[in-house]
Amino acid sequence: MRDFLDRKCSHMKYVDIAKGCGLSVSFMYNLRAHDSGSHHMHTVLRVVYGLSGLLGEDVEDLFVEYILGEVLGELPNMYFDSVRAWVDHYKSDEMTYKDLSARVGIDQTRMSVWFNGRGYPSSQMLRWLVQGMGGSQEEMCRSFFRVAIS
């Protein structure tokens, strides 16, 4: 998150970014100090929504740029109402949840929690899922964003 913020707002201080995004200064400094590369999805969404208003950029584009590092403009043609529906669409038909879990290195129990509507993957786990399933990574990322905000 630190590198993303530094790249998008290189001309701004963290105090100004926090105020412009409607976030506390301590929240922004904690993101910077504890840059693990993996954040809860609600944290990612809070930051990209704030940056969208501050920078005047599309929030979905910012989300894709944070997760994948670039925006190509590949839009999804499918909309999903759950994480399970999203995973089911993008994983191959021959691949079981157990296979996917082993392929991307995410515990199957954790995936079960997302499928039962009790949360979302962290930003790093979303990257692993997008890389581990077939198809356009940007399309998958955009369609996941739409699941997360619905």
C-alpha atoms as a PDB file:
ATOM      1  CA  MET A   1       0.000   0.000   0.000  1.00  0.00           C
ATOM      2  CA  ARG A   2       2.879   2.350   0.794  1.00  0.00           C
ATOM      3  CA  ASP A   3       4.373   2.081  -2.705  1.00  0.00           C
ATOM      4  CA  PHE A   4       0.954   2.557  -4.285  1.00  0.00           C
ATOM      5  CA  LEU A   5       0.257   5.678  -2.216  1.00  0.00           C
ATOM      6  CA  ASP A   6       3.726   7.063  -2.871  1.00  0.00           C
ATOM      7  CA  ARG A   7       3.309   6.507  -6.609  1.00  0.00           C
ATOM      8  CA  LYS A   8      -0.198   7.976  -6.855  1.00  0.00           C
ATOM      9  CA  CYS A   9       0.351  10.883  -4.469  1.00  0.00           C
ATOM     10  CA  SER A  10       4.071  11.577  -4.744  1.00  0.00           C
ATOM     11  CA  HIS A  11       3.462  15.313  -4.572  1.00  0.00           C
ATOM     12  CA  MET A  12       1.431  15.124  -1.324  1.00  0.00           C
ATOM     13  CA  LYS A  13       2.122  14.635   2.367  1.00  0.00           C
ATOM     14  CA  TYR A  14       0.394  11.807   4.208  1.00  0.00           C
ATOM     15  CA  VAL A  15      -1.482  14.339   6.354  1.00  0.00           C
ATOM     16  CA  ASP A  16      -2.958  15.880   3.209  1.00  0.00           C
ATOM     17  CA  ILE A  17      -3.769  12.474   1.724  1.00  0.00           C
ATOM     18  CA  ALA A  18      -5.547  11.438   4.927  1.00  0.00           C
ATOM     19  CA  LYS A  19      -7.579  14.649   5.075  1.00  0.00           C
ATOM     20  CA  GLY A  20      -8.418  14.493   1.376  1.00  0.00           C
ATOM     21  CA  CYS A  21      -9.538  10.879   1.664  1.00  0.00           C
ATOM     22  CA  GLY A  22     -11.547  11.419   4.831  1.00  0.00           C
ATOM     23  CA  LEU A  23      -9.287   9.085   6.820  1.00  0.00           C
ATOM     24  CA  SER A  24      -7.487   9.692  10.087  1.00  0.00           C
ATOM     25  CA  VAL A  25      -3.843  10.648   9.945  1.00  0.00           C
ATOM     26  CA  SER A  26      -2.966   7.795  12.310  1.00  0.00           C
ATOM     27  CA  PHE A  27      -4.707   5.337   9.971  1.00  0.00           C
ATOM     28  CA  MET A  28      -2.584   6.530   7.034  1.00  0.00           C
ATOM     29  CA  TYR A  29       0.645   6.433   9.030  1.00  0.00           C
ATOM     30  CA  ASN A  30      -0.168   2.910  10.265  1.00  0.00           C
ATOM     31  CA  LEU A  31      -0.621   1.798   6.648  1.00  0.00           C
ATOM     32  CA  ARG A  32       2.763   3.258   5.839  1.00  0.00           C
ATOM     33  CA  ALA A  33       4.535   1.890   8.918  1.00  0.00           C
ATOM     34  CA  HIS A  34       3.113  -1.637   8.654  1.00  0.00           C
ATOM     35  CA  ASP A  35       3.427  -2.132   4.933  1.00  0.00           C
ATOM     36  CA  SER A  36       2.983  -5.883   4.760  1.00  0.00           C
ATOM     37  CA  GLY A  37       1.763  -5.964   1.177  1.00  0.00           C
ATOM     38  CA  SER A  38      -1.462  -7.582   2.351  1.00  0.00           C
ATOM     39  CA  HIS A  39      -4.419  -5.648   3.695  1.00  0.00           C
ATOM     40  CA  HIS A  40      -8.012  -6.432   4.619  1.00  0.00           C
ATOM     41  CA  MET A  41     -10.338  -5.783   1.713  1.00  0.00           C
ATOM     42  CA  HIS A  42     -12.293  -3.139   3.640  1.00  0.00           C
ATOM     43  CA  THR A  43      -9.021  -1.218   4.162  1.00  0.00           C
ATOM     44  CA  VAL A  44      -8.206  -1.393   0.453  1.00  0.00           C
ATOM     45  CA  LEU A  45     -11.717  -0.216  -0.445  1.00  0.00           C
ATOM     46  CA  ARG A  46     -11.568   2.680   2.042  1.00  0.00           C
ATOM     47  CA  VAL A  47      -8.282   3.891   0.599  1.00  0.00           C
ATOM     48  CA  VAL A  48      -9.202   3.571  -3.085  1.00  0.00           C
ATOM     49  CA  TYR A  49     -12.558   5.288  -2.536  1.00  0.00           C
ATOM     50  CA  GLY A  50     -10.789   8.123  -0.715  1.00  0.00           C
ATOM     51  CA  LEU A  51      -8.129   8.442  -3.402  1.00  0.00           C
ATOM     52  CA  SER A  52     -10.789   8.403  -6.091  1.00  0.00           C
ATOM     53  CA  GLY A  53     -12.389  11.507  -4.615  1.00  0.00           C
ATOM     54  CA  LEU A  54      -9.043  13.155  -3.925  1.00  0.00           C
ATOM     55  CA  LEU A  55      -7.455  12.489  -7.318  1.00  0.00           C
ATOM     56  CA  GLY A  56     -10.589  12.482  -9.463  1.00  0.00           C
ATOM     57  CA  GLU A  57      -9.812   8.998 -10.819  1.00  0.00           C
ATOM     58  CA  ASP A  58     -12.191   6.081 -11.252  1.00  0.00           C
ATOM     59  CA  VAL A  59     -12.372   3.977  -8.089  1.00  0.00           C
ATOM     60  CA  GLU A  60     -12.479   0.680  -9.990  1.00  0.00           C
ATOM     61  CA  ASP A  61      -9.373   1.662 -11.974  1.00  0.00           C
ATOM     62  CA  LEU A  62      -7.574   2.527  -8.730  1.00  0.00           C
ATOM     63  CA  PHE A  63      -8.549  -0.837  -7.234  1.00  0.00           C
ATOM     64  CA  VAL A  64      -7.242  -2.693 -10.299  1.00  0.00           C
ATOM     65  CA  GLU A  65      -4.040  -0.648 -10.277  1.00  0.00           C
ATOM     66  CA  TYR A  66      -3.464  -1.423  -6.588  1.00  0.00           C
ATOM     67  CA  ILE A  67      -4.064  -5.171  -6.991  1.00  0.00           C
ATOM     68  CA  LEU A  68      -2.388  -5.732 -10.373  1.00  0.00           C
ATOM     69  CA  GLY A  69      -0.074  -2.751 -10.768  1.00  0.00           C
ATOM     70  CA  GLU A  70      -1.543  -1.605 -14.091  1.00  0.00           C
ATOM     71  CA  VAL A  71      -4.834  -0.838 -15.833  1.00  0.00           C
ATOM     72  CA  LEU A  72      -5.478  -2.089 -19.360  1.00  0.00           C
ATOM     73  CA  GLY A  73      -9.192  -1.285 -19.649  1.00  0.00           C
ATOM     74  CA  GLU A  74     -10.430  -4.895 -19.851  1.00  0.00           C
ATOM     75  CA  LEU A  75     -13.992  -4.851 -18.558  1.00  0.00           C
ATOM     76  CA  PRO A  76     -15.866  -7.888 -17.243  1.00  0.00           C
ATOM     77  CA  ASN A  77     -18.968  -9.083 -19.033  1.00  0.00           C
ATOM     78  CA  MET A  78     -20.277 -11.009 -16.033  1.00  0.00           C
ATOM     79  CA  TYR A  79     -21.547  -9.820 -12.678  1.00  0.00           C
ATOM     80  CA  PHE A  80     -21.560 -11.982  -9.584  1.00  0.00           C
ATOM     81  CA  ASP A  81     -23.405 -11.762  -6.285  1.00  0.00           C
ATOM     82  CA  SER A  82     -20.901 -13.666  -4.144  1.00  0.00           C
ATOM     83  CA  VAL A  83     -17.270 -14.665  -3.840  1.00  0.00           C
ATOM     84  CA  ARG A  84     -18.298 -18.285  -4.484  1.00  0.00           C
ATOM     85  CA  ALA A  85     -19.996 -17.364  -7.789  1.00  0.00           C
ATOM     86  CA  TRP A  86     -16.920 -15.333  -8.760  1.00  0.00           C
ATOM     87  CA  VAL A  87     -14.532 -18.231  -8.038  1.00  0.00           C
ATOM     88  CA  ASP A  88     -16.835 -20.748  -9.741  1.00  0.00           C
ATOM     89  CA  HIS A  89     -16.854 -18.695 -12.929  1.00  0.00           C
ATOM     90  CA  TYR A  90     -13.112 -18.143 -13.201  1.00  0.00           C
ATOM     91  CA  LYS A  91     -11.701 -21.478 -12.033  1.00  0.00           C
ATOM     92  CA  SER A  92     -11.726 -24.216 -14.650  1.00  0.00           C
ATOM     93  CA  ASP A  93     -14.564 -26.729 -14.536  1.00  0.00           C
ATOM     94  CA  GLU A  94     -12.114 -29.559 -13.928  1.00  0.00           C
ATOM     95  CA  MET A  95     -10.566 -27.796 -10.935  1.00  0.00           C
ATOM     96  CA  THR A  96     -12.062 -28.491  -7.510  1.00  0.00           C
ATOM     97  CA  TYR A  97     -11.881 -26.034  -4.615  1.00  0.00           C
ATOM     98  CA  LYS A  98      -9.267 -28.327  -3.079  1.00  0.00           C
ATOM     99  CA  ASP A  99      -7.195 -28.141  -6.296  1.00  0.00           C
ATOM    100  CA  LEU A 100      -7.508 -24.366  -6.394  1.00  0.00           C
ATOM    101  CA  SER A 101      -6.596 -24.128  -2.726  1.00  0.00           C
ATOM    102  CA  ALA A 102      -3.433 -26.164  -3.285  1.00  0.00           C
ATOM    103  CA  ARG A 103      -2.554 -24.278  -6.470  1.00  0.00           C
ATOM    104  CA  VAL A 104      -2.714 -20.806  -4.926  1.00  0.00           C
ATOM    105  CA  GLY A 105      -1.600 -21.735  -1.403  1.00  0.00           C
ATOM    106  CA  ILE A 106      -4.743 -20.651   0.439  1.00  0.00           C
ATOM    107  CA  ASP A 107      -6.276 -22.863   3.111  1.00  0.00           C
ATOM    108  CA  GLN A 108      -9.565 -24.358   1.945  1.00  0.00           C
ATOM    109  CA  THR A 109     -11.186 -23.493   5.281  1.00  0.00           C
ATOM    110  CA  ARG A 110     -10.419 -19.824   4.693  1.00  0.00           C
ATOM    111  CA  MET A 111     -12.058 -20.033   1.273  1.00  0.00           C
ATOM    112  CA  SER A 112     -15.091 -21.611   2.914  1.00  0.00           C
ATOM    113  CA  VAL A 113     -15.427 -18.557   5.173  1.00  0.00           C
ATOM    114  CA  TRP A 114     -15.558 -16.271   2.113  1.00  0.00           C
ATOM    115  CA  PHE A 115     -18.060 -18.545   0.385  1.00  0.00           C
ATOM    116  CA  ASN A 116     -20.402 -18.396   3.359  1.00  0.00           C
ATOM    117  CA  GLY A 117     -20.501 -14.618   3.135  1.00  0.00           C
ATOM    118  CA  ARG A 118     -18.435 -13.831   6.193  1.00  0.00           C
ATOM    119  CA  GLY A 119     -15.621 -11.898   4.592  1.00  0.00           C
ATOM    120  CA  TYR A 120     -13.346 -11.338   1.643  1.00  0.00           C
ATOM    121  CA  PRO A 121      -9.803 -12.342   0.816  1.00  0.00           C
ATOM    122  CA  SER A 122      -7.002  -9.970   1.735  1.00  0.00           C
ATOM    123  CA  SER A 123      -5.365  -8.025  -1.069  1.00  0.00           C
ATOM    124  CA  GLN A 124      -2.501 -10.538  -1.285  1.00  0.00           C
ATOM    125  CA  MET A 125      -4.830 -13.536  -1.362  1.00  0.00           C
ATOM    126  CA  LEU A 126      -6.854 -11.863  -4.112  1.00  0.00           C
ATOM    127  CA  ARG A 127      -3.635 -11.487  -6.118  1.00  0.00           C
ATOM    128  CA  TRP A 128      -2.914 -15.207  -5.625  1.00  0.00           C
ATOM    129  CA  LEU A 129      -6.433 -16.168  -6.708  1.00  0.00           C
ATOM    130  CA  VAL A 130      -6.308 -13.947  -9.791  1.00  0.00           C
ATOM    131  CA  GLN A 131      -2.942 -15.417 -10.774  1.00  0.00           C
ATOM    132  CA  GLY A 132      -4.045 -18.997 -10.074  1.00  0.00           C
ATOM    133  CA  MET A 133      -7.230 -18.990 -12.136  1.00  0.00           C
ATOM    134  CA  GLY A 134      -7.460 -18.756 -15.916  1.00  0.00           C
ATOM    135  CA  GLY A 135      -8.542 -15.695 -17.835  1.00  0.00           C
ATOM    136  CA  SER A 136      -7.912 -11.976 -17.944  1.00  0.00           C
ATOM    137  CA  GLN A 137      -6.481 -10.857 -14.613  1.00  0.00           C
ATOM    138  CA  GLU A 138      -7.907  -7.358 -14.996  1.00  0.00           C
ATOM    139  CA  GLU A 139     -11.363  -8.698 -15.823  1.00  0.00           C
ATOM    140  CA  MET A 140     -11.228 -10.936 -12.742  1.00  0.00           C
ATOM    141  CA  CYS A 141     -10.063  -8.059 -10.562  1.00  0.00           C
ATOM    142  CA  ARG A 142     -12.792  -5.702 -11.791  1.00  0.00           C
ATOM    143  CA  SER A 143     -15.515  -8.296 -11.358  1.00  0.00           C
ATOM    144  CA  PHE A 144     -14.246  -9.051  -7.828  1.00  0.00           C
ATOM    145  CA  PHE A 145     -14.386  -5.334  -7.021  1.00  0.00           C
ATOM    146  CA  ARG A 146     -18.032  -5.333  -8.089  1.00  0.00           C
ATOM    147  CA  VAL A 147     -18.735  -8.319  -5.831  1.00  0.00           C
ATOM    148  CA  ALA A 148     -17.028  -6.581  -2.892  1.00  0.00           C
ATOM    149  CA  ILE A 149     -19.032  -3.358  -3.210  1.00  0.00           C
ATOM    150  CA  SER A 150     -22.414  -4.956  -3.890  1.00  0.00           C
END
